Structure formats: structure tokens, C-alpha cells
Amino acid sequence: MAFKGEPVTRRRQRQTGTDRYGNPEYSTVDTVLPELAGFDPGGSREPVEVGREPTVTTPKLYFLRAYPDLTDDDQVIIRGVAYDIEGIPADWRSPFEGSDIGGVVVELKKVDG
């Protein structure tokens, strides 16, 4: 059975110049990644905080035999929803030469409310 992954868009801030005071100016660049990912929508939880009712969702992306250019400063858009990347994506590779086992696991987070 062939792997049918989902398309992922990387959202990255790039410095485009400086303002008249020498402060950096940024723009957002969206790039559709050539790699497809398995998407685990994860669960959600509602932290207890007085006066606030946020919902925290923590899905994961699994890239099988693919190593996309993602950092913990990026966001990803999957199924039309933007998520922050939590921590450094986990790059796992087989220690055996010639093995096709490996990929990248990306932990995501979205806070609503």
C-alpha cells in the first residue's frame, strides 16, 4: 500500500530590509513543501487559568523517509489551520547504511482563546 500523506505549507518570517531607524523589517513567506506528511491531529486540553478559557491542541506531523526544512521558528499550515512548531523537529535516521528507515517528527501546538 502506498503512503498517502497530506500537503504541508511552511510559514516562515524573512527579513526584507530595515526601517529608517535601522530596525529589521520582516515579511511572511508561505512555501508548499514537496514532502507529504502523516498527520496525527492529537488531542486538546483546556488548562485551568482564572479568567481564561483557552483550548490547547497538540498534533504531530510524521515525514516518512523525508527531511523537510523546518525549524522551531516556523509555522505549518495543514488542513487550513496554522500551527506553531514546538521545539526542534526530531530527525531520526537508521544507523544502518543503506536502510530506508527514518524521517522527521514535528510536534505542533495551537492555542485558541
C-alpha atoms as a PDB file:
ATOM      1  CA  MET A   1       0.000   0.000   0.000  1.00  0.00           C
ATOM      2  CA  ALA A   2       1.388   3.410  -0.954  1.00  0.00           C
ATOM      3  CA  PHE A   3       1.750   6.162   1.622  1.00  0.00           C
ATOM      4  CA  LYS A   4      -0.831   8.899   1.044  1.00  0.00           C
ATOM      5  CA  GLY A   5       0.316  11.873   3.039  1.00  0.00           C
ATOM      6  CA  GLU A   6      -1.094  15.334   3.381  1.00  0.00           C
ATOM      7  CA  PRO A   7       0.262  18.560   1.877  1.00  0.00           C
ATOM      8  CA  VAL A   8       2.017  20.891   4.307  1.00  0.00           C
ATOM      9  CA  THR A   9       2.746  24.602   3.905  1.00  0.00           C
ATOM     10  CA  ARG A  10       5.661  26.132   5.810  1.00  0.00           C
ATOM     11  CA  ARG A  11       5.167  29.718   7.016  1.00  0.00           C
ATOM     12  CA  ARG A  12       8.465  31.498   7.685  1.00  0.00           C
ATOM     13  CA  GLN A  13       9.414  35.058   8.573  1.00  0.00           C
ATOM     14  CA  ARG A  14      12.169  36.507   6.372  1.00  0.00           C
ATOM     15  CA  GLN A  15      13.994  39.762   6.907  1.00  0.00           C
ATOM     16  CA  THR A  16      13.238  42.001   3.927  1.00  0.00           C
ATOM     17  CA  GLY A  17      15.170  45.075   4.964  1.00  0.00           C
ATOM     18  CA  THR A  18      15.383  47.685   7.687  1.00  0.00           C
ATOM     19  CA  ASP A  19      13.266  50.663   8.573  1.00  0.00           C
ATOM     20  CA  ARG A  20      14.593  54.215   8.761  1.00  0.00           C
ATOM     21  CA  TYR A  21      15.711  53.593  12.353  1.00  0.00           C
ATOM     22  CA  GLY A  22      17.750  50.514  11.467  1.00  0.00           C
ATOM     23  CA  ASN A  23      15.246  48.016  12.867  1.00  0.00           C
ATOM     24  CA  PRO A  24      14.725  44.851  10.853  1.00  0.00           C
ATOM     25  CA  GLU A  25      11.528  44.529   8.791  1.00  0.00           C
ATOM     26  CA  TYR A  26      10.042  41.128   8.073  1.00  0.00           C
ATOM     27  CA  SER A  27       7.573  39.581   5.685  1.00  0.00           C
ATOM     28  CA  THR A  28       5.834  36.236   5.808  1.00  0.00           C
ATOM     29  CA  VAL A  29       6.650  33.682   3.126  1.00  0.00           C
ATOM     30  CA  ASP A  30       4.454  30.595   2.635  1.00  0.00           C
ATOM     31  CA  THR A  31       6.040  27.622   0.840  1.00  0.00           C
ATOM     32  CA  VAL A  32       4.296  24.355  -0.004  1.00  0.00           C
ATOM     33  CA  LEU A  33       6.709  21.594   0.992  1.00  0.00           C
ATOM     34  CA  PRO A  34       7.436  18.923  -1.619  1.00  0.00           C
ATOM     35  CA  GLU A  35       7.202  16.242   1.085  1.00  0.00           C
ATOM     36  CA  LEU A  36       3.871  14.859   2.249  1.00  0.00           C
ATOM     37  CA  ALA A  37       3.261  14.140   5.920  1.00  0.00           C
ATOM     38  CA  GLY A  38       1.218  11.834   8.050  1.00  0.00           C
ATOM     39  CA  PHE A  39      -0.952  13.985  10.321  1.00  0.00           C
ATOM     40  CA  ASP A  40      -1.940  12.950  13.827  1.00  0.00           C
ATOM     41  CA  PRO A  41      -4.500  15.563  14.962  1.00  0.00           C
ATOM     42  CA  GLY A  42      -3.685  14.769  18.586  1.00  0.00           C
ATOM     43  CA  GLY A  43      -5.902  15.830  21.405  1.00  0.00           C
ATOM     44  CA  SER A  44      -6.816  19.066  23.040  1.00  0.00           C
ATOM     45  CA  ARG A  45      -6.858  20.186  26.610  1.00  0.00           C
ATOM     46  CA  GLU A  46      -8.205  23.145  28.470  1.00  0.00           C
ATOM     47  CA  PRO A  47      -5.675  24.443  31.008  1.00  0.00           C
ATOM     48  CA  VAL A  48      -7.070  25.802  34.238  1.00  0.00           C
ATOM     49  CA  GLU A  49      -6.344  29.516  34.436  1.00  0.00           C
ATOM     50  CA  VAL A  50      -8.514  32.037  36.225  1.00  0.00           C
ATOM     51  CA  GLY A  51     -10.383  34.298  33.796  1.00  0.00           C
ATOM     52  CA  ARG A  52      -9.299  32.449  30.667  1.00  0.00           C
ATOM     53  CA  GLU A  53     -10.684  29.510  28.766  1.00  0.00           C
ATOM     54  CA  PRO A  54      -8.057  28.521  26.176  1.00  0.00           C
ATOM     55  CA  THR A  55      -8.025  25.277  24.278  1.00  0.00           C
ATOM     56  CA  VAL A  56      -4.587  23.854  23.503  1.00  0.00           C
ATOM     57  CA  THR A  57      -4.309  21.422  20.589  1.00  0.00           C
ATOM     58  CA  THR A  58      -1.129  19.334  20.165  1.00  0.00           C
ATOM     59  CA  PRO A  59      -0.981  17.453  16.852  1.00  0.00           C
ATOM     60  CA  LYS A  60       2.096  15.868  15.230  1.00  0.00           C
ATOM     61  CA  LEU A  61       3.421  15.563  11.696  1.00  0.00           C
ATOM     62  CA  TYR A  62       5.321  12.478  10.538  1.00  0.00           C
ATOM     63  CA  PHE A  63       7.530  12.703   7.451  1.00  0.00           C
ATOM     64  CA  LEU A  64       8.498   9.193   6.328  1.00  0.00           C
ATOM     65  CA  ARG A  65      11.891   8.980   4.579  1.00  0.00           C
ATOM     66  CA  ALA A  66      11.795  12.767   4.119  1.00  0.00           C
ATOM     67  CA  TYR A  67      13.722  15.560   5.822  1.00  0.00           C
ATOM     68  CA  PRO A  68      11.939  18.884   5.182  1.00  0.00           C
ATOM     69  CA  ASP A  69      13.492  22.250   6.016  1.00  0.00           C
ATOM     70  CA  LEU A  70      11.575  23.108   9.204  1.00  0.00           C
ATOM     71  CA  THR A  71      12.741  24.960  12.301  1.00  0.00           C
ATOM     72  CA  ASP A  72      11.184  25.795  15.642  1.00  0.00           C
ATOM     73  CA  ASP A  73      10.690  29.391  14.412  1.00  0.00           C
ATOM     74  CA  ASP A  74       8.356  28.272  11.592  1.00  0.00           C
ATOM     75  CA  GLN A  75       4.649  27.624  11.497  1.00  0.00           C
ATOM     76  CA  VAL A  76       2.979  24.969   9.375  1.00  0.00           C
ATOM     77  CA  ILE A  77      -0.421  25.052   7.760  1.00  0.00           C
ATOM     78  CA  ILE A  78      -2.208  21.757   7.397  1.00  0.00           C
ATOM     79  CA  ARG A  79      -5.876  21.243   6.578  1.00  0.00           C
ATOM     80  CA  GLY A  80      -6.195  25.036   6.512  1.00  0.00           C
ATOM     81  CA  VAL A  81      -5.082  25.526  10.131  1.00  0.00           C
ATOM     82  CA  ALA A  82      -1.833  27.253  11.195  1.00  0.00           C
ATOM     83  CA  TYR A  83       0.169  25.602  13.994  1.00  0.00           C
ATOM     84  CA  ASP A  84       3.343  26.655  15.801  1.00  0.00           C
ATOM     85  CA  ILE A  85       6.226  24.190  15.807  1.00  0.00           C
ATOM     86  CA  GLU A  86       7.064  23.139  19.374  1.00  0.00           C
ATOM     87  CA  GLY A  87      10.783  22.550  19.846  1.00  0.00           C
ATOM     88  CA  ILE A  88      13.257  21.312  17.276  1.00  0.00           C
ATOM     89  CA  PRO A  89      11.821  18.788  14.793  1.00  0.00           C
ATOM     90  CA  ALA A  90      13.084  15.281  15.615  1.00  0.00           C
ATOM     91  CA  ASP A  91      15.249  13.934  12.784  1.00  0.00           C
ATOM     92  CA  TRP A  92      15.570  10.163  13.128  1.00  0.00           C
ATOM     93  CA  ARG A  93      17.664   8.031  10.819  1.00  0.00           C
ATOM     94  CA  SER A  94      18.679   4.411  10.788  1.00  0.00           C
ATOM     95  CA  PRO A  95      22.236   3.715  11.937  1.00  0.00           C
ATOM     96  CA  PHE A  96      22.490   1.041   9.237  1.00  0.00           C
ATOM     97  CA  GLU A  97      23.930   2.089   5.887  1.00  0.00           C
ATOM     98  CA  GLY A  98      21.517   1.690   3.006  1.00  0.00           C
ATOM     99  CA  SER A  99      18.451   1.494   5.239  1.00  0.00           C
ATOM    100  CA  ASP A 100      15.381   3.430   4.131  1.00  0.00           C
ATOM    101  CA  ILE A 101      14.091   3.788   7.686  1.00  0.00           C
ATOM    102  CA  GLY A 102      13.866   7.312   9.031  1.00  0.00           C
ATOM    103  CA  GLY A 103      12.172  10.657   8.775  1.00  0.00           C
ATOM    104  CA  VAL A 104      11.180  13.677  10.811  1.00  0.00           C
ATOM    105  CA  VAL A 105       8.600  14.050  13.584  1.00  0.00           C
ATOM    106  CA  VAL A 106       7.294  17.567  14.191  1.00  0.00           C
ATOM    107  CA  GLU A 107       5.356  18.419  17.340  1.00  0.00           C
ATOM    108  CA  LEU A 108       2.832  21.202  16.873  1.00  0.00           C
ATOM    109  CA  LYS A 109       0.770  23.456  19.106  1.00  0.00           C
ATOM    110  CA  LYS A 110      -2.214  25.743  18.665  1.00  0.00           C
ATOM    111  CA  VAL A 111      -3.794  27.821  21.431  1.00  0.00           C
ATOM    112  CA  ASP A 112      -7.312  29.178  20.977  1.00  0.00           C
ATOM    113  CA  GLY A 113      -8.975  31.524  23.412  1.00  0.00           C
END
